[in-house]
Amino acid sequence: MARKKRYLTATMPDGYTKTIGPTAAPLTHYWRIVAELANGRTEVFWGHEKSLKDAQAKDAATRDAARQRGWTRYAFEIAPLVETAA
């Protein structure tokens, strides 16, 4: 029997909401990187993971990316995903 498809929503500290779905994947956390480039522009990277530990592991990779890409600064944020109505 197939798993039920559902919608998942994360609310970031700044009020931004991201909805993912429909999905049957066992996702629990959403992460977002807001990077400021040397030329003043901003890039946003995001993803979702199956556990808080997996999401937190992205932070170490983000530090390396900041050095390699020359970001002047960045914000790495994690928010829990909650099931919402379609």
PDB file of N, CA and C in Angstrom:
ATOM      1  N   MET A   1       0.840  -1.178   0.000  1.00  0.00           N
ATOM      2  CA  MET A   1       0.000   0.000   0.000  1.00  0.00           C
ATOM      3  C   MET A   1       0.892   1.251   0.000  1.00  0.00           C
ATOM      4  N   ALA A   2       0.595   2.181  -0.854  1.00  0.00           N
ATOM      5  CA  ALA A   2       1.376   3.413  -0.965  1.00  0.00           C
ATOM      6  C   ALA A   2       1.115   4.328   0.226  1.00  0.00           C
ATOM      7  N   ARG A   3       2.164   5.071   0.577  1.00  0.00           N
ATOM      8  CA  ARG A   3       2.006   6.031   1.665  1.00  0.00           C
ATOM      9  C   ARG A   3       1.175   7.217   1.222  1.00  0.00           C
ATOM     10  N   LYS A   4       0.472   7.788   2.178  1.00  0.00           N
ATOM     11  CA  LYS A   4      -0.375   8.941   1.912  1.00  0.00           C
ATOM     12  C   LYS A   4       0.485  10.150   1.531  1.00  0.00           C
ATOM     13  N   LYS A   5       0.094  10.837   0.488  1.00  0.00           N
ATOM     14  CA  LYS A   5       0.794  12.067   0.098  1.00  0.00           C
ATOM     15  C   LYS A   5       0.290  13.198   0.973  1.00  0.00           C
ATOM     16  N   ARG A   6       1.197  14.092   1.344  1.00  0.00           N
ATOM     17  CA  ARG A   6       0.844  15.190   2.242  1.00  0.00           C
ATOM     18  C   ARG A   6       1.622  16.435   1.863  1.00  0.00           C
ATOM     19  N   TYR A   7       1.186  17.557   2.390  1.00  0.00           N
ATOM     20  CA  TYR A   7       1.885  18.826   2.211  1.00  0.00           C
ATOM     21  C   TYR A   7       2.599  19.160   3.515  1.00  0.00           C
ATOM     22  N   LEU A   8       3.815  19.682   3.397  1.00  0.00           N
ATOM     23  CA  LEU A   8       4.611  20.060   4.563  1.00  0.00           C
ATOM     24  C   LEU A   8       4.960  21.536   4.444  1.00  0.00           C
ATOM     25  N   THR A   9       4.867  22.256   5.556  1.00  0.00           N
ATOM     26  CA  THR A   9       5.156  23.688   5.549  1.00  0.00           C
ATOM     27  C   THR A   9       6.163  24.015   6.642  1.00  0.00           C
ATOM     28  N   ALA A  10       7.134  24.850   6.276  1.00  0.00           N
ATOM     29  CA  ALA A  10       8.117  25.367   7.234  1.00  0.00           C
ATOM     30  C   ALA A  10       7.918  26.875   7.329  1.00  0.00           C
ATOM     31  N   THR A  11       8.013  27.406   8.531  1.00  0.00           N
ATOM     32  CA  THR A  11       7.949  28.850   8.738  1.00  0.00           C
ATOM     33  C   THR A  11       9.291  29.297   9.306  1.00  0.00           C
ATOM     34  N   MET A  12       9.970  30.162   8.563  1.00  0.00           N
ATOM     35  CA  MET A  12      11.292  30.644   8.967  1.00  0.00           C
ATOM     36  C   MET A  12      11.147  31.771   9.987  1.00  0.00           C
ATOM     37  N   PRO A  13      12.222  32.074  10.735  1.00  0.00           N
ATOM     38  CA  PRO A  13      12.149  33.133  11.749  1.00  0.00           C
ATOM     39  C   PRO A  13      11.711  34.494  11.216  1.00  0.00           C
ATOM     40  N   ASP A  14      12.009  34.785   9.944  1.00  0.00           N
ATOM     41  CA  ASP A  14      11.621  36.082   9.372  1.00  0.00           C
ATOM     42  C   ASP A  14      10.186  36.089   8.835  1.00  0.00           C
ATOM     43  N   GLY A  15       9.446  34.979   9.022  1.00  0.00           N
ATOM     44  CA  GLY A  15       8.060  34.910   8.591  1.00  0.00           C
ATOM     45  C   GLY A  15       7.848  34.258   7.235  1.00  0.00           C
ATOM     46  N   TYR A  16       8.919  34.003   6.492  1.00  0.00           N
ATOM     47  CA  TYR A  16       8.817  33.353   5.194  1.00  0.00           C
ATOM     48  C   TYR A  16       8.304  31.929   5.390  1.00  0.00           C
ATOM     49  N   THR A  17       7.356  31.496   4.554  1.00  0.00           N
ATOM     50  CA  THR A  17       6.868  30.121   4.627  1.00  0.00           C
ATOM     51  C   THR A  17       7.153  29.406   3.320  1.00  0.00           C
ATOM     52  N   LYS A  18       7.513  28.147   3.438  1.00  0.00           N
ATOM     53  CA  LYS A  18       7.798  27.299   2.280  1.00  0.00           C
ATOM     54  C   LYS A  18       6.951  26.052   2.415  1.00  0.00           C
ATOM     55  N   THR A  19       6.172  25.743   1.376  1.00  0.00           N
ATOM     56  CA  THR A  19       5.354  24.539   1.380  1.00  0.00           C
ATOM     57  C   THR A  19       5.907  23.560   0.363  1.00  0.00           C
ATOM     58  N   ILE A  20       6.031  22.317   0.771  1.00  0.00           N
ATOM     59  CA  ILE A  20       6.563  21.239  -0.056  1.00  0.00           C
ATOM     60  C   ILE A  20       5.452  20.204  -0.222  1.00  0.00           C
ATOM     61  N   GLY A  21       5.248  19.728  -1.435  1.00  0.00           N
ATOM     62  CA  GLY A  21       4.301  18.643  -1.597  1.00  0.00           C
ATOM     63  C   GLY A  21       3.502  18.755  -2.873  1.00  0.00           C
ATOM     64  N   PRO A  22       2.700  17.768  -3.109  1.00  0.00           N
ATOM     65  CA  PRO A  22       2.440  16.616  -2.247  1.00  0.00           C
ATOM     66  C   PRO A  22       3.621  15.643  -2.258  1.00  0.00           C
ATOM     67  N   THR A  23       3.913  15.073  -1.109  1.00  0.00           N
ATOM     68  CA  THR A  23       5.024  14.149  -0.970  1.00  0.00           C
ATOM     69  C   THR A  23       4.686  13.055   0.036  1.00  0.00           C
ATOM     70  N   ALA A  24       5.275  11.907  -0.181  1.00  0.00           N
ATOM     71  CA  ALA A  24       5.148  10.807   0.773  1.00  0.00           C
ATOM     72  C   ALA A  24       6.473  10.605   1.504  1.00  0.00           C
ATOM     73  N   ALA A  25       7.480  11.412   1.169  1.00  0.00           N
ATOM     74  CA  ALA A  25       8.810  11.294   1.785  1.00  0.00           C
ATOM     75  C   ALA A  25       8.747  11.670   3.263  1.00  0.00           C
ATOM     76  N   PRO A  26       9.531  11.010   4.098  1.00  0.00           N
ATOM     77  CA  PRO A  26       9.519  11.278   5.542  1.00  0.00           C
ATOM     78  C   PRO A  26      10.395  12.475   5.928  1.00  0.00           C
ATOM     79  N   LEU A  27      10.111  13.634   5.383  1.00  0.00           N
ATOM     80  CA  LEU A  27      10.917  14.832   5.628  1.00  0.00           C
ATOM     81  C   LEU A  27      10.497  15.483   6.940  1.00  0.00           C
ATOM     82  N   THR A  28      11.473  16.016   7.687  1.00  0.00           N
ATOM     83  CA  THR A  28      11.162  16.628   8.981  1.00  0.00           C
ATOM     84  C   THR A  28      11.645  18.064   9.110  1.00  0.00           C
ATOM     85  N   HIS A  29      12.665  18.469   8.328  1.00  0.00           N
ATOM     86  CA  HIS A  29      13.236  19.806   8.485  1.00  0.00           C
ATOM     87  C   HIS A  29      13.564  20.436   7.133  1.00  0.00           C
ATOM     88  N   TYR A  30      13.439  21.752   7.089  1.00  0.00           N
ATOM     89  CA  TYR A  30      13.742  22.573   5.925  1.00  0.00           C
ATOM     90  C   TYR A  30      14.929  23.450   6.302  1.00  0.00           C
ATOM     91  N   TRP A  31      15.878  23.617   5.389  1.00  0.00           N
ATOM     92  CA  TRP A  31      17.008  24.508   5.648  1.00  0.00           C
ATOM     93  C   TRP A  31      17.114  25.521   4.516  1.00  0.00           C
ATOM     94  N   ARG A  32      17.687  26.679   4.872  1.00  0.00           N
ATOM     95  CA  ARG A  32      17.834  27.761   3.894  1.00  0.00           C
ATOM     96  C   ARG A  32      19.147  28.489   4.161  1.00  0.00           C
ATOM     97  N   ILE A  33      19.847  28.802   3.080  1.00  0.00           N
ATOM     98  CA  ILE A  33      21.066  29.612   3.150  1.00  0.00           C
ATOM     99  C   ILE A  33      20.790  30.880   2.352  1.00  0.00           C
ATOM    100  N   VAL A  34      20.973  32.028   2.973  1.00  0.00           N
ATOM    101  CA  VAL A  34      20.873  33.310   2.289  1.00  0.00           C
ATOM    102  C   VAL A  34      22.300  33.871   2.267  1.00  0.00           C
ATOM    103  N   ALA A  35      22.899  33.889   1.091  1.00  0.00           N
ATOM    104  CA  ALA A  35      24.296  34.286   0.940  1.00  0.00           C
ATOM    105  C   ALA A  35      24.409  35.642   0.262  1.00  0.00           C
ATOM    106  N   GLU A  36      25.255  36.494   0.820  1.00  0.00           N
ATOM    107  CA  GLU A  36      25.535  37.787   0.198  1.00  0.00           C
ATOM    108  C   GLU A  36      26.850  37.665  -0.563  1.00  0.00           C
ATOM    109  N   LEU A  37      26.798  37.971  -1.850  1.00  0.00           N
ATOM    110  CA  LEU A  37      27.971  37.858  -2.708  1.00  0.00           C
ATOM    111  C   LEU A  37      28.821  39.125  -2.615  1.00  0.00           C
ATOM    112  N   ALA A  38      30.048  39.029  -3.079  1.00  0.00           N
ATOM    113  CA  ALA A  38      30.967  40.166  -3.032  1.00  0.00           C
ATOM    114  C   ALA A  38      30.442  41.367  -3.816  1.00  0.00           C
ATOM    115  N   ASN A  39      29.647  41.135  -4.856  1.00  0.00           N
ATOM    116  CA  ASN A  39      29.114  42.230  -5.667  1.00  0.00           C
ATOM    117  C   ASN A  39      27.823  42.826  -5.088  1.00  0.00           C
ATOM    118  N   GLY A  40      27.428  42.384  -3.889  1.00  0.00           N
ATOM    119  CA  GLY A  40      26.248  42.926  -3.231  1.00  0.00           C
ATOM    120  C   GLY A  40      24.958  42.180  -3.526  1.00  0.00           C
ATOM    121  N   ARG A  41      24.993  41.253  -4.460  1.00  0.00           N
ATOM    122  CA  ARG A  41      23.795  40.473  -4.780  1.00  0.00           C
ATOM    123  C   ARG A  41      23.575  39.394  -3.725  1.00  0.00           C
ATOM    124  N   THR A  42      22.386  38.840  -3.730  1.00  0.00           N
ATOM    125  CA  THR A  42      22.020  37.802  -2.765  1.00  0.00           C
ATOM    126  C   THR A  42      21.592  36.550  -3.507  1.00  0.00           C
ATOM    127  N   GLU A  43      22.035  35.390  -3.001  1.00  0.00           N
ATOM    128  CA  GLU A  43      21.603  34.100  -3.532  1.00  0.00           C
ATOM    129  C   GLU A  43      20.964  33.318  -2.402  1.00  0.00           C
ATOM    130  N   VAL A  44      19.934  32.541  -2.724  1.00  0.00           N
ATOM    131  CA  VAL A  44      19.253  31.722  -1.734  1.00  0.00           C
ATOM    132  C   VAL A  44      19.327  30.264  -2.172  1.00  0.00           C
ATOM    133  N   PHE A  45      19.739  29.408  -1.253  1.00  0.00           N
ATOM    134  CA  PHE A  45      19.790  27.971  -1.473  1.00  0.00           C
ATOM    135  C   PHE A  45      18.901  27.336  -0.414  1.00  0.00           C
ATOM    136  N   TRP A  46      18.217  26.261  -0.755  1.00  0.00           N
ATOM    137  CA  TRP A  46      17.344  25.625   0.222  1.00  0.00           C
ATOM    138  C   TRP A  46      17.245  24.133  -0.048  1.00  0.00           C
ATOM    139  N   GLY A  47      16.752  23.425   0.961  1.00  0.00           N
ATOM    140  CA  GLY A  47      16.542  21.991   0.824  1.00  0.00           C
ATOM    141  C   GLY A  47      15.766  21.469   2.011  1.00  0.00           C
ATOM    142  N   HIS A  48      15.553  20.175   2.020  1.00  0.00           N
ATOM    143  CA  HIS A  48      14.834  19.554   3.127  1.00  0.00           C
ATOM    144  C   HIS A  48      15.491  18.222   3.430  1.00  0.00           C
ATOM    145  N   GLU A  49      15.383  17.810   4.672  1.00  0.00           N
ATOM    146  CA  GLU A  49      16.069  16.605   5.138  1.00  0.00           C
ATOM    147  C   GLU A  49      15.133  15.728   5.954  1.00  0.00           C
ATOM    148  N   LYS A  50      15.580  14.500   6.195  1.00  0.00           N
ATOM    149  CA  LYS A  50      14.792  13.524   6.939  1.00  0.00           C
ATOM    150  C   LYS A  50      15.015  13.603   8.446  1.00  0.00           C
ATOM    151  N   SER A  51      15.974  14.424   8.889  1.00  0.00           N
ATOM    152  CA  SER A  51      16.205  14.570  10.324  1.00  0.00           C
ATOM    153  C   SER A  51      16.891  15.913  10.613  1.00  0.00           C
ATOM    154  N   LEU A  52      16.787  16.343  11.856  1.00  0.00           N
ATOM    155  CA  LEU A  52      17.460  17.577  12.271  1.00  0.00           C
ATOM    156  C   LEU A  52      18.969  17.413  12.152  1.00  0.00           C
ATOM    157  N   LYS A  53      19.475  16.255  12.489  1.00  0.00           N
ATOM    158  CA  LYS A  53      20.924  15.999  12.404  1.00  0.00           C
ATOM    159  C   LYS A  53      21.423  16.172  10.971  1.00  0.00           C
ATOM    160  N   ASP A  54      20.678  15.639  10.007  1.00  0.00           N
ATOM    161  CA  ASP A  54      21.064  15.788   8.597  1.00  0.00           C
ATOM    162  C   ASP A  54      21.047  17.253   8.172  1.00  0.00           C
ATOM    163  N   ALA A  55      20.051  17.994   8.628  1.00  0.00           N
ATOM    164  CA  ALA A  55      19.966  19.417   8.293  1.00  0.00           C
ATOM    165  C   ALA A  55      21.127  20.186   8.912  1.00  0.00           C
ATOM    166  N   GLN A  56      21.470  19.876  10.150  1.00  0.00           N
ATOM    167  CA  GLN A  56      22.578  20.567  10.819  1.00  0.00           C
ATOM    168  C   GLN A  56      23.910  20.261  10.153  1.00  0.00           C
ATOM    169  N   ALA A  57      24.039  19.111   9.545  1.00  0.00           N
ATOM    170  CA  ALA A  57      25.282  18.751   8.853  1.00  0.00           C
ATOM    171  C   ALA A  57      25.542  19.677   7.671  1.00  0.00           C
ATOM    172  N   LYS A  58      24.516  20.280   7.125  1.00  0.00           N
ATOM    173  CA  LYS A  58      24.679  21.214   6.000  1.00  0.00           C
ATOM    174  C   LYS A  58      25.430  22.477   6.418  1.00  0.00           C
ATOM    175  N   ASP A  59      25.414  22.798   7.709  1.00  0.00           N
ATOM    176  CA  ASP A  59      26.080  24.008   8.187  1.00  0.00           C
ATOM    177  C   ASP A  59      27.586  23.944   7.941  1.00  0.00           C
ATOM    178  N   ALA A  60      28.210  22.796   8.202  1.00  0.00           N
ATOM    179  CA  ALA A  60      29.655  22.656   7.966  1.00  0.00           C
ATOM    180  C   ALA A  60      29.964  22.823   6.486  1.00  0.00           C
ATOM    181  N   ALA A  61      29.148  22.238   5.633  1.00  0.00           N
ATOM    182  CA  ALA A  61      29.350  22.375   4.189  1.00  0.00           C
ATOM    183  C   ALA A  61      29.154  23.826   3.756  1.00  0.00           C
ATOM    184  N   THR A  62      28.277  24.536   4.435  1.00  0.00           N
ATOM    185  CA  THR A  62      28.021  25.941   4.107  1.00  0.00           C
ATOM    186  C   THR A  62      29.246  26.793   4.409  1.00  0.00           C
ATOM    187  N   ARG A  63      29.917  26.521   5.512  1.00  0.00           N
ATOM    188  CA  ARG A  63      31.146  27.273   5.835  1.00  0.00           C
ATOM    189  C   ARG A  63      32.188  27.094   4.734  1.00  0.00           C
ATOM    190  N   ASP A  64      32.339  25.866   4.250  1.00  0.00           N
ATOM    191  CA  ASP A  64      33.283  25.608   3.155  1.00  0.00           C
ATOM    192  C   ASP A  64      32.852  26.332   1.876  1.00  0.00           C
ATOM    193  N   ALA A  65      31.571  26.296   1.577  1.00  0.00           N
ATOM    194  CA  ALA A  65      31.059  26.967   0.372  1.00  0.00           C
ATOM    195  C   ALA A  65      31.297  28.471   0.447  1.00  0.00           C
ATOM    196  N   ALA A  66      31.119  29.046   1.631  1.00  0.00           N
ATOM    197  CA  ALA A  66      31.327  30.488   1.798  1.00  0.00           C
ATOM    198  C   ALA A  66      32.768  30.863   1.461  1.00  0.00           C
ATOM    199  N   ARG A  67      33.705  30.054   1.921  1.00  0.00           N
ATOM    200  CA  ARG A  67      35.122  30.319   1.620  1.00  0.00           C
ATOM    201  C   ARG A  67      35.403  30.148   0.128  1.00  0.00           C
ATOM    202  N   GLN A  68      34.929  29.066  -0.453  1.00  0.00           N
ATOM    203  CA  GLN A  68      35.214  28.767  -1.862  1.00  0.00           C
ATOM    204  C   GLN A  68      34.575  29.769  -2.816  1.00  0.00           C
ATOM    205  N   ARG A  69      33.383  30.227  -2.490  1.00  0.00           N
ATOM    206  CA  ARG A  69      32.648  31.108  -3.396  1.00  0.00           C
ATOM    207  C   ARG A  69      32.824  32.586  -3.090  1.00  0.00           C
ATOM    208  N   GLY A  70      33.505  32.897  -1.999  1.00  0.00           N
ATOM    209  CA  GLY A  70      33.776  34.288  -1.680  1.00  0.00           C
ATOM    210  C   GLY A  70      32.585  35.070  -1.171  1.00  0.00           C
ATOM    211  N   TRP A  71      31.671  34.403  -0.478  1.00  0.00           N
ATOM    212  CA  TRP A  71      30.526  35.116   0.098  1.00  0.00           C
ATOM    213  C   TRP A  71      31.024  36.064   1.166  1.00  0.00           C
ATOM    214  N   THR A  72      30.475  37.267   1.204  1.00  0.00           N
ATOM    215  CA  THR A  72      30.878  38.216   2.251  1.00  0.00           C
ATOM    216  C   THR A  72      30.226  37.866   3.577  1.00  0.00           C
ATOM    217  N   ARG A  73      29.005  37.321   3.518  1.00  0.00           N
ATOM    218  CA  ARG A  73      28.351  36.782   4.714  1.00  0.00           C
ATOM    219  C   ARG A  73      27.182  35.913   4.281  1.00  0.00           C
ATOM    220  N   TYR A  74      26.686  35.126   5.232  1.00  0.00           N
ATOM    221  CA  TYR A  74      25.559  34.250   4.930  1.00  0.00           C
ATOM    222  C   TYR A  74      24.797  33.953   6.219  1.00  0.00           C
ATOM    223  N   ALA A  75      23.560  33.532   6.041  1.00  0.00           N
ATOM    224  CA  ALA A  75      22.729  33.092   7.163  1.00  0.00           C
ATOM    225  C   ALA A  75      22.258  31.678   6.845  1.00  0.00           C
ATOM    226  N   PHE A  76      22.463  30.777   7.787  1.00  0.00           N
ATOM    227  CA  PHE A  76      22.005  29.391   7.644  1.00  0.00           C
ATOM    228  C   PHE A  76      20.912  29.176   8.675  1.00  0.00           C
ATOM    229  N   GLU A  77      19.730  28.757   8.205  1.00  0.00           N
ATOM    230  CA  GLU A  77      18.580  28.610   9.094  1.00  0.00           C
ATOM    231  C   GLU A  77      17.916  27.257   8.867  1.00  0.00           C
ATOM    232  N   ILE A  78      17.369  26.708   9.955  1.00  0.00           N
ATOM    233  CA  ILE A  78      16.655  25.437   9.896  1.00  0.00           C
ATOM    234  C   ILE A  78      15.297  25.650  10.555  1.00  0.00           C
ATOM    235  N   ALA A  79      14.256  25.067   9.943  1.00  0.00           N
ATOM    236  CA  ALA A  79      12.912  25.133  10.523  1.00  0.00           C
ATOM    237  C   ALA A  79      12.261  23.763  10.406  1.00  0.00           C
ATOM    238  N   PRO A  80      11.469  23.381  11.400  1.00  0.00           N
ATOM    239  CA  PRO A  80      10.768  22.090  11.309  1.00  0.00           C
ATOM    240  C   PRO A  80       9.648  22.165  10.271  1.00  0.00           C
ATOM    241  N   LEU A  81       9.390  21.040   9.641  1.00  0.00           N
ATOM    242  CA  LEU A  81       8.288  20.928   8.688  1.00  0.00           C
ATOM    243  C   LEU A  81       7.069  20.375   9.435  1.00  0.00           C
ATOM    244  N   VAL A  82       5.909  20.981   9.207  1.00  0.00           N
ATOM    245  CA  VAL A  82       4.668  20.505   9.821  1.00  0.00           C
ATOM    246  C   VAL A  82       3.673  20.199   8.712  1.00  0.00           C
ATOM    247  N   GLU A  83       2.880  19.156   8.918  1.00  0.00           N
ATOM    248  CA  GLU A  83       1.889  18.773   7.932  1.00  0.00           C
ATOM    249  C   GLU A  83       0.764  19.793   7.904  1.00  0.00           C
ATOM    250  N   THR A  84       0.389  20.195   6.683  1.00  0.00           N
ATOM    251  CA  THR A  84      -0.678  21.184   6.511  1.00  0.00           C
ATOM    252  C   THR A  84      -1.696  20.681   5.497  1.00  0.00           C
ATOM    253  N   ALA A  85      -2.845  21.316   5.479  1.00  0.00           N
ATOM    254  CA  ALA A  85      -3.890  20.956   4.518  1.00  0.00           C
ATOM    255  C   ALA A  85      -3.484  21.393   3.120  1.00  0.00           C
ATOM    256  N   ALA A  86      -3.989  20.722   2.123  1.00  0.00           N
ATOM    257  CA  ALA A  86      -3.628  21.012   0.722  1.00  0.00           C
ATOM    258  C   ALA A  86      -3.992  22.397   0.296  1.00  0.00           C
TER     259      ALA A  86
END
